[in-house]
Protein backbone atom coordinates (compact mmCIF):
# COMPACT_ATOMS: atom_id res chain seq x y z
CA MET A 1 142.67 59.30 131.19
CA ARG A 2 141.90 62.69 132.66
CA ARG A 3 144.91 64.25 130.98
CA ARG A 4 143.77 62.94 127.58
CA ARG A 5 140.35 64.55 128.04
CA LEU A 6 141.92 67.82 129.08
CA ARG A 7 144.24 67.74 126.05
CA ARG A 8 141.31 67.00 123.72
CA LEU A 9 139.24 69.80 125.24
CA ALA A 10 142.18 72.20 124.97
CA ALA A 11 142.77 71.18 121.34
CA LEU A 12 139.08 71.62 120.48
CA ALA A 13 138.96 75.00 122.21
CA ALA A 14 142.06 76.19 120.37
CA PHE A 15 140.62 74.98 117.05
CA GLY A 16 137.32 76.72 117.75
CA LEU A 17 139.01 80.01 118.63
CA THR A 18 141.16 80.03 115.50
CA THR A 19 138.15 79.19 113.35
CA ILE A 20 136.06 81.98 114.84
CA GLY A 21 138.94 84.45 114.74
CA GLY A 22 139.71 83.63 111.12
CA CYS A 23 136.13 84.29 110.03
CA HIS A 24 135.80 87.64 111.79
CA GLN A 25 135.99 90.78 109.68
CA SER A 26 135.90 94.39 110.82
CA ARG A 27 132.74 95.01 108.75
CA SER A 28 130.04 92.53 107.97
CA ILE A 29 129.64 91.39 104.39
CA GLY A 30 125.98 92.48 104.47
CA ALA A 31 126.94 96.01 105.53
CA ALA A 32 129.51 96.27 102.75
CA ALA A 33 126.99 95.04 100.18
CA ALA A 34 124.38 97.50 101.45
CA GLU A 35 126.86 100.38 101.13
CA ALA A 36 127.84 99.38 97.62
CA GLY A 37 124.22 99.07 96.48
CA ASN A 38 123.01 102.22 98.20
CA ALA A 39 122.16 104.60 95.39
CA GLY A 40 120.46 107.13 97.65
CA SER A 41 117.27 107.50 99.59
CA ILE A 42 114.28 109.70 100.23
CA THR A 43 112.79 110.69 103.56
CA ILE A 44 109.06 110.52 104.09
CA ARG A 45 107.65 112.51 107.01
CA VAL A 46 104.00 111.92 107.85
CA VAL A 47 102.41 114.60 110.03
CA ASN A 48 99.25 112.89 111.26
CA HIS A 49 96.64 115.32 112.60
CA ALA A 50 93.99 112.56 112.49
CA TRP A 51 92.65 110.78 115.56
CA LEU A 52 93.46 107.37 114.11
CA ASP A 53 96.76 105.63 113.39
CA VAL A 54 97.34 105.41 109.63
CA THR A 55 99.17 102.59 107.85
CA ILE A 56 101.32 104.13 105.11
CA TYR A 57 102.04 102.38 101.82
CA LEU A 58 104.18 103.20 98.79
CA LEU A 59 102.26 102.61 95.53
CA GLN A 60 103.89 101.96 92.16
CA GLY A 61 101.40 100.98 89.52
CA THR A 62 99.51 98.07 91.04
CA HIS A 63 102.31 97.18 93.49
CA ARG A 64 101.94 98.25 97.13
CA ASP A 65 104.72 98.19 99.77
CA ARG A 66 103.98 98.85 103.44
CA ILE A 67 106.23 101.58 104.83
CA GLY A 68 104.96 101.70 108.41
CA VAL A 69 102.37 103.20 110.73
CA ALA A 70 101.94 106.92 111.37
CA THR A 71 100.72 107.23 114.94
CA ALA A 72 97.70 109.47 115.61
CA SER A 73 98.45 113.12 116.45
CA SER A 74 102.20 112.80 115.88
CA THR A 75 104.91 112.94 113.23
CA SER A 76 106.53 109.77 111.85
CA THR A 77 109.63 109.59 109.65
CA PHE A 78 110.52 106.78 107.23
CA GLN A 79 113.62 106.27 105.04
CA ILE A 80 113.09 104.70 101.61
CA ALA A 81 116.05 103.47 99.55
CA LEU A 82 115.79 104.53 95.92
CA ARG A 83 116.58 100.95 94.88
CA GLN A 84 113.06 100.07 96.13
CA LEU A 85 111.57 102.30 93.44
CA SER A 86 111.51 101.50 89.73
CA ALA A 87 113.89 103.76 87.83
CA GLY A 88 112.14 106.89 86.60
CA ALA A 89 108.72 105.60 87.66
CA GLU A 90 106.27 107.69 89.54
CA TYR A 91 104.96 106.64 92.92
CA ARG A 92 102.18 107.63 95.29
CA LEU A 93 101.72 107.47 99.02
CA TYR A 94 98.63 105.67 100.25
CA GLY A 95 97.17 105.97 103.74
CA ASP A 96 94.81 103.43 105.30
CA PRO A 97 93.52 104.57 108.72
CA VAL A 98 93.25 101.75 111.24
CA GLY A 99 89.57 101.11 112.01
CA SER A 100 88.17 103.18 109.15
CA ARG A 101 87.02 102.45 105.61
CA LEU A 102 88.22 105.82 104.32
CA THR A 103 91.62 105.99 102.64
CA VAL A 104 93.79 108.74 101.21
CA ARG A 105 96.16 108.78 98.26
CA SER A 106 98.74 111.41 97.31
CA GLU A 107 99.23 112.86 93.88
CA PRO A 108 101.88 111.17 91.68
CA LEU A 109 105.47 111.93 92.74
CA HIS A 110 108.92 111.37 91.19
CA ALA A 111 111.75 110.37 93.52
CA GLN A 112 115.15 112.05 93.54
CA ASP A 113 118.01 111.32 95.91
CA GLY A 114 117.73 113.40 99.07
CA ASP A 115 114.05 114.33 98.68
CA VAL A 116 112.18 115.08 101.89
CA VAL A 117 108.49 114.40 101.37
CA THR A 118 106.18 115.82 104.04
CA TRP A 119 102.66 114.42 103.92
CA THR A 120 100.27 116.18 106.26
CA LEU A 121 97.18 114.09 107.02
CA GLU A 122 94.26 116.09 108.36
CA ASP A 123 91.38 114.71 110.44
CA ASP A 124 89.30 115.13 107.27
CA LEU A 125 91.57 113.08 104.96
CA ALA A 126 90.28 114.89 101.86
CA ARG A 127 92.08 118.05 103.09
CA SER A 128 95.49 116.35 103.36
CA SER A 129 98.48 117.96 101.60
CA ILE A 130 101.95 116.99 100.42
CA ASP A 131 105.21 118.94 100.11
CA VAL A 132 108.45 117.79 98.44
CA ARG A 133 111.76 119.57 99.09
C-alpha cells in the first residue's frame, strides 16, 4: 500500500514538473506584447519648489489620467507611453496640491517620441514654467 502511494506521488510530481516546464518561456507573453506595442514614450520631470506634495495629472480634452505625486521640494520623473495619448492630440499637465484648493495647469503641448518635459512648480503656482526638449 505504501509503495502504491509513493508511485502515485512520484507520477503526480513528474506530471506537474513536465507541465510547468512545458509552459515556461524565456520571456513572458506580456513583456513581448508590451515591446511590440511600444511606439515610444515621453519623460515628464516635475521640479517641485512648493511646500506641498502635488498630484500630477495628464489632461486630454475632458479626460484626466493620474500620473503620480511630485513630492514637495524635490524632483520627480514619470514615463508616459505615447499609446496613452490620442494620436496628434494636444495634452496639458495639471497639478493639484495636496491640502490646497489652488491648482495649476500647463499650456497645451504636443507629444513626440523622446520628449523630455520639465515642469517647474514654484511655491506661487502662478509663476510655474514648462520646458520641452
